[in-house]
């Protein structure tokens, strides 16, 4: 479970920081400040780990062309290049591709 960073937690951390600058903290307040900061950092780390765990990696097809493989193209021929096989000059009919699908 990710520790939740509440407004109250941040407000208390800030209040202790202001008091530390203004007049200093008692040993008990220093300990409280340390614990609150640790709780805050644990919450931040948990949020980052949670976000990173949601990332899905997609393998790059490494075809070397300028197409995005999602139905659009950048060659200007007007054809809908959805598959690598369609990149070939003979496949789409435009003259912007060589036999390997590269744009010229």
PDB file of N, CA and C in Angstrom:
ATOM      1  N   UNK A   1       0.838  -1.180   0.000  1.00  0.00           N
ATOM      2  CA  UNK A   1       0.000   0.000   0.000  1.00  0.00           C
ATOM      3  C   UNK A   1       0.881   1.240   0.000  1.00  0.00           C
ATOM      4  N   UNK A   2       0.513   2.191  -0.835  1.00  0.00           N
ATOM      5  CA  UNK A   2       1.265   3.434  -0.942  1.00  0.00           C
ATOM      6  C   UNK A   2       0.824   4.378   0.175  1.00  0.00           C
ATOM      7  N   UNK A   3       1.792   4.865   0.971  1.00  0.00           N
ATOM      8  CA  UNK A   3       1.427   5.853   1.997  1.00  0.00           C
ATOM      9  C   UNK A   3       0.863   7.112   1.332  1.00  0.00           C
ATOM     10  N   UNK A   4      -0.209   7.602   1.865  1.00  0.00           N
ATOM     11  CA  UNK A   4      -0.871   8.768   1.289  1.00  0.00           C
ATOM     12  C   UNK A   4      -0.270  10.045   1.861  1.00  0.00           C
ATOM     13  N   UNK A   5       0.019  10.968   0.957  1.00  0.00           N
ATOM     14  CA  UNK A   5       0.530  12.276   1.364  1.00  0.00           C
ATOM     15  C   UNK A   5      -0.677  13.199   1.469  1.00  0.00           C
ATOM     16  N   UNK A   6      -1.042  13.520   2.693  1.00  0.00           N
ATOM     17  CA  UNK A   6      -2.209  14.364   2.922  1.00  0.00           C
ATOM     18  C   UNK A   6      -1.798  15.824   3.086  1.00  0.00           C
ATOM     19  N   UNK A   7      -2.770  16.692   2.960  1.00  0.00           N
ATOM     20  CA  UNK A   7      -2.532  18.117   3.190  1.00  0.00           C
ATOM     21  C   UNK A   7      -2.070  18.347   4.623  1.00  0.00           C
ATOM     22  N   UNK A   8      -2.638  17.603   5.550  1.00  0.00           N
ATOM     23  CA  UNK A   8      -2.264  17.740   6.960  1.00  0.00           C
ATOM     24  C   UNK A   8      -0.796  17.373   7.173  1.00  0.00           C
ATOM     25  N   UNK A   9      -0.337  16.316   6.494  1.00  0.00           N
ATOM     26  CA  UNK A   9       1.058  15.896   6.607  1.00  0.00           C
ATOM     27  C   UNK A   9       1.978  17.010   6.115  1.00  0.00           C
ATOM     28  N   UNK A  10       1.685  17.543   4.943  1.00  0.00           N
ATOM     29  CA  UNK A  10       2.510  18.612   4.369  1.00  0.00           C
ATOM     30  C   UNK A  10       2.448  19.859   5.244  1.00  0.00           C
ATOM     31  N   UNK A  11       1.263  20.196   5.732  1.00  0.00           N
ATOM     32  CA  UNK A  11       1.126  21.377   6.602  1.00  0.00           C
ATOM     33  C   UNK A  11       1.963  21.224   7.873  1.00  0.00           C
ATOM     34  N   UNK A  12       1.961  20.038   8.464  1.00  0.00           N
ATOM     35  CA  UNK A  12       2.732  19.819   9.702  1.00  0.00           C
ATOM     36  C   UNK A  12       4.236  19.876   9.424  1.00  0.00           C
ATOM     37  N   UNK A  13       4.671  19.294   8.310  1.00  0.00           N
ATOM     38  CA  UNK A  13       6.085  19.365   7.925  1.00  0.00           C
ATOM     39  C   UNK A  13       6.491  20.827   7.753  1.00  0.00           C
ATOM     40  N   UNK A  14       5.664  21.596   7.077  1.00  0.00           N
ATOM     41  CA  UNK A  14       5.967  23.008   6.851  1.00  0.00           C
ATOM     42  C   UNK A  14       5.955  23.808   8.151  1.00  0.00           C
ATOM     43  N   UNK A  15       5.015  23.503   9.038  1.00  0.00           N
ATOM     44  CA  UNK A  15       4.948  24.211  10.325  1.00  0.00           C
ATOM     45  C   UNK A  15       6.215  23.941  11.141  1.00  0.00           C
ATOM     46  N   UNK A  16       6.655  22.695  11.166  1.00  0.00           N
ATOM     47  CA  UNK A  16       7.888  22.370  11.900  1.00  0.00           C
ATOM     48  C   UNK A  16       9.104  23.033  11.255  1.00  0.00           C
ATOM     49  N   UNK A  17       9.125  23.126   9.938  1.00  0.00           N
ATOM     50  CA  UNK A  17      10.240  23.795   9.254  1.00  0.00           C
ATOM     51  C   UNK A  17      10.271  25.281   9.596  1.00  0.00           C
ATOM     52  N   UNK A  18       9.108  25.911   9.622  1.00  0.00           N
ATOM     53  CA  UNK A  18       9.041  27.338   9.998  1.00  0.00           C
ATOM     54  C   UNK A  18       9.502  27.536  11.439  1.00  0.00           C
ATOM     55  N   UNK A  19       9.034  26.667  12.327  1.00  0.00           N
ATOM     56  CA  UNK A  19       9.422  26.777  13.733  1.00  0.00           C
ATOM     57  C   UNK A  19      10.926  26.539  13.895  1.00  0.00           C
ATOM     58  N   UNK A  20      11.474  25.598  13.127  1.00  0.00           N
ATOM     59  CA  UNK A  20      12.906  25.318  13.203  1.00  0.00           C
ATOM     60  C   UNK A  20      13.710  26.550  12.817  1.00  0.00           C
ATOM     61  N   UNK A  21      13.283  27.250  11.771  1.00  0.00           N
ATOM     62  CA  UNK A  21      13.989  28.460  11.338  1.00  0.00           C
ATOM     63  C   UNK A  21      13.813  29.604  12.328  1.00  0.00           C
ATOM     64  N   UNK A  22      12.632  29.718  12.905  1.00  0.00           N
ATOM     65  CA  UNK A  22      12.324  30.848  13.776  1.00  0.00           C
ATOM     66  C   UNK A  22      12.918  30.716  15.170  1.00  0.00           C
ATOM     67  N   UNK A  23      12.720  29.576  15.791  1.00  0.00           N
ATOM     68  CA  UNK A  23      13.129  29.448  17.201  1.00  0.00           C
ATOM     69  C   UNK A  23      13.804  28.136  17.551  1.00  0.00           C
ATOM     70  N   UNK A  24      13.827  27.200  16.615  1.00  0.00           N
ATOM     71  CA  UNK A  24      14.426  25.901  16.897  1.00  0.00           C
ATOM     72  C   UNK A  24      13.375  24.900  17.346  1.00  0.00           C
ATOM     73  N   UNK A  25      13.752  23.643  17.334  1.00  0.00           N
ATOM     74  CA  UNK A  25      12.844  22.557  17.698  1.00  0.00           C
ATOM     75  C   UNK A  25      13.355  21.831  18.941  1.00  0.00           C
ATOM     76  N   UNK A  26      12.417  21.294  19.689  1.00  0.00           N
ATOM     77  CA  UNK A  26      12.777  20.437  20.814  1.00  0.00           C
ATOM     78  C   UNK A  26      13.216  19.095  20.244  1.00  0.00           C
ATOM     79  N   UNK A  27      13.885  18.283  21.039  1.00  0.00           N
ATOM     80  CA  UNK A  27      14.262  16.943  20.555  1.00  0.00           C
ATOM     81  C   UNK A  27      13.049  16.132  20.082  1.00  0.00           C
ATOM     82  N   UNK A  28      11.934  16.244  20.757  1.00  0.00           N
ATOM     83  CA  UNK A  28      10.724  15.510  20.353  1.00  0.00           C
ATOM     84  C   UNK A  28      10.211  16.028  19.006  1.00  0.00           C
ATOM     85  N   UNK A  29      10.259  17.336  18.813  1.00  0.00           N
ATOM     86  CA  UNK A  29       9.815  17.910  17.542  1.00  0.00           C
ATOM     87  C   UNK A  29      10.766  17.532  16.404  1.00  0.00           C
ATOM     88  N   UNK A  30      12.063  17.471  16.690  1.00  0.00           N
ATOM     89  CA  UNK A  30      13.030  17.044  15.678  1.00  0.00           C
ATOM     90  C   UNK A  30      12.747  15.611  15.239  1.00  0.00           C
ATOM     91  N   UNK A  31      12.431  14.773  16.204  1.00  0.00           N
ATOM     92  CA  UNK A  31      12.098  13.376  15.893  1.00  0.00           C
ATOM     93  C   UNK A  31      10.808  13.302  15.071  1.00  0.00           C
ATOM     94  N   UNK A  32       9.808  14.098  15.465  1.00  0.00           N
ATOM     95  CA  UNK A  32       8.551  14.137  14.717  1.00  0.00           C
ATOM     96  C   UNK A  32       8.808  14.611  13.284  1.00  0.00           C
ATOM     97  N   UNK A  33       9.620  15.646  13.151  1.00  0.00           N
ATOM     98  CA  UNK A  33       9.948  16.175  11.830  1.00  0.00           C
ATOM     99  C   UNK A  33      10.614  15.101  10.969  1.00  0.00           C
ATOM    100  N   UNK A  34      11.546  14.394  11.564  1.00  0.00           N
ATOM    101  CA  UNK A  34      12.240  13.325  10.841  1.00  0.00           C
ATOM    102  C   UNK A  34      11.252  12.246  10.389  1.00  0.00           C
ATOM    103  N   UNK A  35      10.377  11.819  11.286  1.00  0.00           N
ATOM    104  CA  UNK A  35       9.402  10.777  10.962  1.00  0.00           C
ATOM    105  C   UNK A  35       8.437  11.240   9.865  1.00  0.00           C
ATOM    106  N   UNK A  36       7.987  12.483   9.962  1.00  0.00           N
ATOM    107  CA  UNK A  36       7.066  13.007   8.956  1.00  0.00           C
ATOM    108  C   UNK A  36       7.737  13.106   7.581  1.00  0.00           C
ATOM    109  N   UNK A  37       8.983  13.541   7.581  1.00  0.00           N
ATOM    110  CA  UNK A  37       9.720  13.624   6.316  1.00  0.00           C
ATOM    111  C   UNK A  37       9.919  12.240   5.708  1.00  0.00           C
ATOM    112  N   UNK A  38      10.215  11.264   6.557  1.00  0.00           N
ATOM    113  CA  UNK A  38      10.376   9.892   6.063  1.00  0.00           C
ATOM    114  C   UNK A  38       9.064   9.368   5.477  1.00  0.00           C
ATOM    115  N   UNK A  39       7.965   9.670   6.139  1.00  0.00           N
ATOM    116  CA  UNK A  39       6.647   9.262   5.652  1.00  0.00           C
ATOM    117  C   UNK A  39       6.362   9.925   4.301  1.00  0.00           C
ATOM    118  N   UNK A  40       6.688  11.210   4.189  1.00  0.00           N
ATOM    119  CA  UNK A  40       6.482  11.953   2.946  1.00  0.00           C
ATOM    120  C   UNK A  40       7.305  11.322   1.814  1.00  0.00           C
ATOM    121  N   UNK A  41       8.591  11.068   2.072  1.00  0.00           N
ATOM    122  CA  UNK A  41       9.461  10.480   1.054  1.00  0.00           C
ATOM    123  C   UNK A  41       8.994   9.077   0.650  1.00  0.00           C
ATOM    124  N   UNK A  42       8.521   8.311   1.616  1.00  0.00           N
ATOM    125  CA  UNK A  42       8.004   6.976   1.320  1.00  0.00           C
ATOM    126  C   UNK A  42       6.788   7.084   0.400  1.00  0.00           C
ATOM    127  N   UNK A  43       5.951   8.076   0.647  1.00  0.00           N
ATOM    128  CA  UNK A  43       4.788   8.308  -0.210  1.00  0.00           C
ATOM    129  C   UNK A  43       5.189   8.686  -1.625  1.00  0.00           C
ATOM    130  N   UNK A  44       6.177   9.562  -1.759  1.00  0.00           N
ATOM    131  CA  UNK A  44       6.659   9.964  -3.084  1.00  0.00           C
ATOM    132  C   UNK A  44       7.247   8.753  -3.811  1.00  0.00           C
ATOM    133  N   UNK A  45       8.091   7.996  -3.125  1.00  0.00           N
ATOM    134  CA  UNK A  45       8.688   6.806  -3.747  1.00  0.00           C
ATOM    135  C   UNK A  45       7.606   5.819  -4.182  1.00  0.00           C
ATOM    136  N   UNK A  46       6.601   5.646  -3.349  1.00  0.00           N
ATOM    137  CA  UNK A  46       5.501   4.740  -3.685  1.00  0.00           C
ATOM    138  C   UNK A  46       4.747   5.199  -4.920  1.00  0.00           C
ATOM    139  N   UNK A  47       4.528   6.503  -5.043  1.00  0.00           N
ATOM    140  CA  UNK A  47       3.829   7.040  -6.207  1.00  0.00           C
ATOM    141  C   UNK A  47       4.652   6.824  -7.474  1.00  0.00           C
ATOM    142  N   UNK A  48       5.958   7.055  -7.386  1.00  0.00           N
ATOM    143  CA  UNK A  48       6.831   6.869  -8.547  1.00  0.00           C
ATOM    144  C   UNK A  48       6.848   5.402  -8.955  1.00  0.00           C
ATOM    145  N   UNK A  49       7.007   4.517  -8.002  1.00  0.00           N
ATOM    146  CA  UNK A  49       7.022   3.080  -8.301  1.00  0.00           C
ATOM    147  C   UNK A  49       5.691   2.649  -8.903  1.00  0.00           C
ATOM    148  N   UNK A  50       4.596   3.169  -8.369  1.00  0.00           N
ATOM    149  CA  UNK A  50       3.273   2.839  -8.890  1.00  0.00           C
ATOM    150  C   UNK A  50       3.143   3.291 -10.340  1.00  0.00           C
ATOM    151  N   UNK A  51       3.567   4.512 -10.628  1.00  0.00           N
ATOM    152  CA  UNK A  51       3.501   5.017 -11.995  1.00  0.00           C
ATOM    153  C   UNK A  51       4.389   4.202 -12.934  1.00  0.00           C
ATOM    154  N   UNK A  52       5.593   3.889 -12.492  1.00  0.00           N
ATOM    155  CA  UNK A  52       6.504   3.119 -13.338  1.00  0.00           C
ATOM    156  C   UNK A  52       5.982   1.712 -13.592  1.00  0.00           C
ATOM    157  N   UNK A  53       5.295   1.145 -12.618  1.00  0.00           N
ATOM    158  CA  UNK A  53       4.774  -0.213 -12.792  1.00  0.00           C
ATOM    159  C   UNK A  53       3.642  -0.254 -13.809  1.00  0.00           C
ATOM    160  N   UNK A  54       3.049   0.883 -14.111  1.00  0.00           N
ATOM    161  CA  UNK A  54       1.946   0.942 -15.074  1.00  0.00           C
ATOM    162  C   UNK A  54       2.431   1.148 -16.507  1.00  0.00           C
ATOM    163  N   UNK A  55       3.705   1.386 -16.697  1.00  0.00           N
ATOM    164  CA  UNK A  55       4.250   1.606 -18.031  1.00  0.00           C
ATOM    165  C   UNK A  55       4.331   0.279 -18.764  1.00  0.00           C
ATOM    166  N   UNK A  56       3.857   0.288 -19.994  1.00  0.00           N
ATOM    167  CA  UNK A  56       3.943  -0.906 -20.831  1.00  0.00           C
ATOM    168  C   UNK A  56       4.897  -0.583 -21.969  1.00  0.00           C
ATOM    169  N   UNK A  57       5.854  -1.456 -22.186  1.00  0.00           N
ATOM    170  CA  UNK A  57       6.827  -1.275 -23.243  1.00  0.00           C
ATOM    171  C   UNK A  57       6.345  -1.970 -24.504  1.00  0.00           C
ATOM    172  N   UNK A  58       6.516  -1.307 -25.620  1.00  0.00           N
ATOM    173  CA  UNK A  58       6.150  -1.862 -26.908  1.00  0.00           C
ATOM    174  C   UNK A  58       7.441  -2.022 -27.693  1.00  0.00           C
ATOM    175  N   UNK A  59       7.642  -3.213 -28.231  1.00  0.00           N
ATOM    176  CA  UNK A  59       8.850  -3.467 -29.003  1.00  0.00           C
ATOM    177  C   UNK A  59       8.855  -2.634 -30.262  1.00  0.00           C
ATOM    178  N   UNK A  60       9.973  -2.022 -30.558  1.00  0.00           N
ATOM    179  CA  UNK A  60      10.151  -1.244 -31.766  1.00  0.00           C
ATOM    180  C   UNK A  60      10.321  -2.205 -32.934  1.00  0.00           C
ATOM    181  N   UNK A  61       9.602  -1.960 -34.028  1.00  0.00           N
ATOM    182  CA  UNK A  61       9.698  -2.836 -35.181  1.00  0.00           C
ATOM    183  C   UNK A  61      10.992  -2.624 -35.951  1.00  0.00           C
ATOM    184  N   UNK A  62      11.695  -1.517 -35.709  1.00  0.00           N
ATOM    185  CA  UNK A  62      12.978  -1.212 -36.347  1.00  0.00           C
ATOM    186  C   UNK A  62      12.959  -1.397 -37.856  1.00  0.00           C
ATOM    187  N   UNK A  63      11.911  -0.962 -38.520  1.00  0.00           N
ATOM    188  CA  UNK A  63      11.880  -1.108 -39.966  1.00  0.00           C
ATOM    189  C   UNK A  63      12.648   0.012 -40.643  1.00  0.00           C
ATOM    190  N   UNK A  64      12.926   1.108 -39.937  1.00  0.00           N
ATOM    191  CA  UNK A  64      13.725   2.181 -40.492  1.00  0.00           C
ATOM    192  C   UNK A  64      12.965   3.158 -41.361  1.00  0.00           C
ATOM    193  N   UNK A  65      11.656   3.038 -41.450  1.00  0.00           N
ATOM    194  CA  UNK A  65      10.905   3.961 -42.292  1.00  0.00           C
ATOM    195  C   UNK A  65      10.332   5.090 -41.449  1.00  0.00           C
ATOM    196  N   UNK A  66       9.657   6.025 -42.129  1.00  0.00           N
ATOM    197  CA  UNK A  66       9.064   7.165 -41.431  1.00  0.00           C
ATOM    198  C   UNK A  66       7.594   6.965 -41.113  1.00  0.00           C
ATOM    199  N   UNK A  67       7.085   5.780 -41.257  1.00  0.00           N
ATOM    200  CA  UNK A  67       5.685   5.511 -40.950  1.00  0.00           C
ATOM    201  C   UNK A  67       5.533   5.163 -39.484  1.00  0.00           C
ATOM    202  N   UNK A  68       4.373   5.480 -38.934  1.00  0.00           N
ATOM    203  CA  UNK A  68       4.153   5.199 -37.517  1.00  0.00           C
ATOM    204  C   UNK A  68       3.472   3.861 -37.268  1.00  0.00           C
ATOM    205  N   UNK A  69       3.167   3.100 -38.289  1.00  0.00           N
ATOM    206  CA  UNK A  69       2.559   1.762 -38.171  1.00  0.00           C
ATOM    207  C   UNK A  69       1.179   1.791 -37.532  1.00  0.00           C
ATOM    208  N   UNK A  70       0.511   2.929 -37.584  1.00  0.00           N
ATOM    209  CA  UNK A  70      -0.841   3.021 -37.032  1.00  0.00           C
ATOM    210  C   UNK A  70      -1.800   3.596 -38.060  1.00  0.00           C
ATOM    211  N   UNK A  71      -1.510   3.383 -39.327  1.00  0.00           N
ATOM    212  CA  UNK A  71      -2.448   3.793 -40.354  1.00  0.00           C
ATOM    213  C   UNK A  71      -2.169   5.150 -40.967  1.00  0.00           C
ATOM    214  N   UNK A  72      -1.144   5.855 -40.558  1.00  0.00           N
ATOM    215  CA  UNK A  72      -0.832   7.132 -41.171  1.00  0.00           C
ATOM    216  C   UNK A  72       0.518   7.032 -41.845  1.00  0.00           C
ATOM    217  N   UNK A  73       0.801   7.972 -42.707  1.00  0.00           N
ATOM    218  CA  UNK A  73       2.099   7.959 -43.362  1.00  0.00           C
ATOM    219  C   UNK A  73       2.659   9.362 -43.446  1.00  0.00           C
ATOM    220  N   UNK A  74       3.916   9.457 -43.784  1.00  0.00           N
ATOM    221  CA  UNK A  74       4.547  10.754 -43.933  1.00  0.00           C
ATOM    222  C   UNK A  74       5.208  10.897 -45.287  1.00  0.00           C
ATOM    223  N   UNK A  75       4.875  10.021 -46.235  1.00  0.00           N
ATOM    224  CA  UNK A  75       5.503  10.084 -47.548  1.00  0.00           C
ATOM    225  C   UNK A  75       4.734  10.980 -48.497  1.00  0.00           C
ATOM    226  N   UNK A  76       3.490  11.271 -48.174  1.00  0.00           N
ATOM    227  CA  UNK A  76       2.699  12.143 -49.011  1.00  0.00           C
ATOM    228  C   UNK A  76       1.998  11.448 -50.162  1.00  0.00           C
ATOM    229  N   UNK A  77       2.050  10.132 -50.250  1.00  0.00           N
ATOM    230  CA  UNK A  77       1.448   9.429 -51.377  1.00  0.00           C
ATOM    231  C   UNK A  77      -0.059   9.253 -51.211  1.00  0.00           C
ATOM    232  N   UNK A  78      -0.574   9.471 -50.011  1.00  0.00           N
ATOM    233  CA  UNK A  78      -2.006   9.342 -49.782  1.00  0.00           C
ATOM    234  C   UNK A  78      -2.454   7.932 -49.472  1.00  0.00           C
ATOM    235  N   UNK A  79      -1.569   6.975 -49.546  1.00  0.00           N
ATOM    236  CA  UNK A  79      -1.934   5.598 -49.249  1.00  0.00           C
ATOM    237  C   UNK A  79      -1.911   5.384 -47.736  1.00  0.00           C
ATOM    238  N   UNK A  80      -2.674   4.422 -47.288  1.00  0.00           N
ATOM    239  CA  UNK A  80      -2.754   4.109 -45.872  1.00  0.00           C
ATOM    240  C   UNK A  80      -1.801   2.948 -45.571  1.00  0.00           C
ATOM    241  N   UNK A  81      -0.567   3.250 -45.196  1.00  0.00           N
ATOM    242  CA  UNK A  81       0.454   2.230 -44.958  1.00  0.00           C
ATOM    243  C   UNK A  81       0.293   1.669 -43.552  1.00  0.00           C
ATOM    244  N   UNK A  82      -0.351   0.530 -43.422  1.00  0.00           N
ATOM    245  CA  UNK A  82      -0.552  -0.043 -42.107  1.00  0.00           C
ATOM    246  C   UNK A  82       0.417  -1.167 -41.795  1.00  0.00           C
ATOM    247  N   UNK A  83       0.950  -1.801 -42.782  1.00  0.00           N
ATOM    248  CA  UNK A  83       1.847  -2.915 -42.547  1.00  0.00           C
ATOM    249  C   UNK A  83       3.146  -2.665 -43.286  1.00  0.00           C
ATOM    250  N   UNK A  84       4.206  -3.225 -42.775  1.00  0.00           N
ATOM    251  CA  UNK A  84       5.520  -3.024 -43.376  1.00  0.00           C
ATOM    252  C   UNK A  84       5.537  -3.460 -44.837  1.00  0.00           C
ATOM    253  N   UNK A  85       4.798  -4.477 -45.199  1.00  0.00           N
ATOM    254  CA  UNK A  85       4.769  -4.954 -46.583  1.00  0.00           C
ATOM    255  C   UNK A  85       4.229  -3.880 -47.519  1.00  0.00           C
ATOM    256  N   UNK A  86       3.353  -3.013 -47.025  1.00  0.00           N
ATOM    257  CA  UNK A  86       2.784  -1.953 -47.856  1.00  0.00           C
ATOM    258  C   UNK A  86       3.742  -0.803 -48.094  1.00  0.00           C
ATOM    259  N   UNK A  87       4.863  -0.792 -47.437  1.00  0.00           N
ATOM    260  CA  UNK A  87       5.816   0.299 -47.605  1.00  0.00           C
ATOM    261  C   UNK A  87       6.533   0.220 -48.938  1.00  0.00           C
ATOM    262  N   UNK A  88       6.559  -0.935 -49.540  1.00  0.00           N
ATOM    263  CA  UNK A  88       7.294  -1.112 -50.777  1.00  0.00           C
ATOM    264  C   UNK A  88       6.643  -0.310 -51.894  1.00  0.00           C
ATOM    265  N   UNK A  89       7.483   0.158 -52.802  1.00  0.00           N
ATOM    266  CA  UNK A  89       7.006   0.944 -53.931  1.00  0.00           C
ATOM    267  C   UNK A  89       5.879   0.209 -54.655  1.00  0.00           C
ATOM    268  N   UNK A  90       6.072  -1.074 -54.851  1.00  0.00           N
ATOM    269  CA  UNK A  90       5.061  -1.833 -55.573  1.00  0.00           C
ATOM    270  C   UNK A  90       3.782  -2.010 -54.762  1.00  0.00           C
ATOM    271  N   UNK A  91       3.876  -1.898 -53.446  1.00  0.00           N
ATOM    272  CA  UNK A  91       2.705  -2.107 -52.603  1.00  0.00           C
ATOM    273  C   UNK A  91       1.765  -0.927 -52.549  1.00  0.00           C
ATOM    274  N   UNK A  92       2.299   0.319 -52.567  1.00  0.00           N
ATOM    275  CA  UNK A  92       1.419   1.473 -52.424  1.00  0.00           C
ATOM    276  C   UNK A  92       1.285   2.260 -53.705  1.00  0.00           C
ATOM    277  N   UNK A  93       2.188   2.047 -54.636  1.00  0.00           N
ATOM    278  CA  UNK A  93       2.071   2.706 -55.918  1.00  0.00           C
ATOM    279  C   UNK A  93       2.683   4.093 -55.981  1.00  0.00           C
ATOM    280  N   UNK A  94       3.215   4.593 -54.919  1.00  0.00           N
ATOM    281  CA  UNK A  94       3.831   5.920 -54.987  1.00  0.00           C
ATOM    282  C   UNK A  94       5.307   5.770 -55.341  1.00  0.00           C
ATOM    283  N   UNK A  95       5.908   6.858 -55.743  1.00  0.00           N
ATOM    284  CA  UNK A  95       7.314   6.795 -56.149  1.00  0.00           C
ATOM    285  C   UNK A  95       8.249   7.289 -55.056  1.00  0.00           C
ATOM    286  N   UNK A  96       7.754   7.455 -53.867  1.00  0.00           N
ATOM    287  CA  UNK A  96       8.575   7.965 -52.772  1.00  0.00           C
ATOM    288  C   UNK A  96       9.324   6.875 -52.028  1.00  0.00           C
ATOM    289  N   UNK A  97       9.067   5.611 -52.355  1.00  0.00           N
ATOM    290  CA  UNK A  97       9.670   4.504 -51.626  1.00  0.00           C
ATOM    291  C   UNK A  97      10.597   3.712 -52.530  1.00  0.00           C
ATOM    292  N   UNK A  98      11.658   3.158 -51.940  1.00  0.00           N
ATOM    293  CA  UNK A  98      12.449   2.183 -52.692  1.00  0.00           C
ATOM    294  C   UNK A  98      11.895   0.793 -52.376  1.00  0.00           C
ATOM    295  N   UNK A  99      12.550  -0.243 -52.836  1.00  0.00           N
ATOM    296  CA  UNK A  99      12.023  -1.589 -52.625  1.00  0.00           C
ATOM    297  C   UNK A  99      12.075  -2.037 -51.173  1.00  0.00           C
ATOM    298  N   UNK A 100      12.730  -1.278 -50.300  1.00  0.00           N
ATOM    299  CA  UNK A 100      12.758  -1.607 -48.875  1.00  0.00           C
ATOM    300  C   UNK A 100      11.810  -0.735 -48.068  1.00  0.00           C
ATOM    301  N   UNK A 101      11.079   0.132 -48.740  1.00  0.00           N
ATOM    302  CA  UNK A 101      10.099   0.969 -48.057  1.00  0.00           C
ATOM    303  C   UNK A 101      10.647   2.283 -47.559  1.00  0.00           C
ATOM    304  N   UNK A 102      11.881   2.616 -47.861  1.00  0.00           N
ATOM    305  CA  UNK A 102      12.444   3.873 -47.388  1.00  0.00           C
ATOM    306  C   UNK A 102      11.983   5.032 -48.248  1.00  0.00           C
ATOM    307  N   UNK A 103      11.741   6.151 -47.633  1.00  0.00           N
ATOM    308  CA  UNK A 103      11.258   7.333 -48.342  1.00  0.00           C
ATOM    309  C   UNK A 103      12.425   8.094 -48.942  1.00  0.00           C
ATOM    310  N   UNK A 104      12.251   8.561 -50.176  1.00  0.00           N
ATOM    311  CA  UNK A 104      13.274   9.347 -50.872  1.00  0.00           C
ATOM    312  C   UNK A 104      12.758  10.718 -51.194  1.00  0.00           C
TER     313      UNK A 104
END
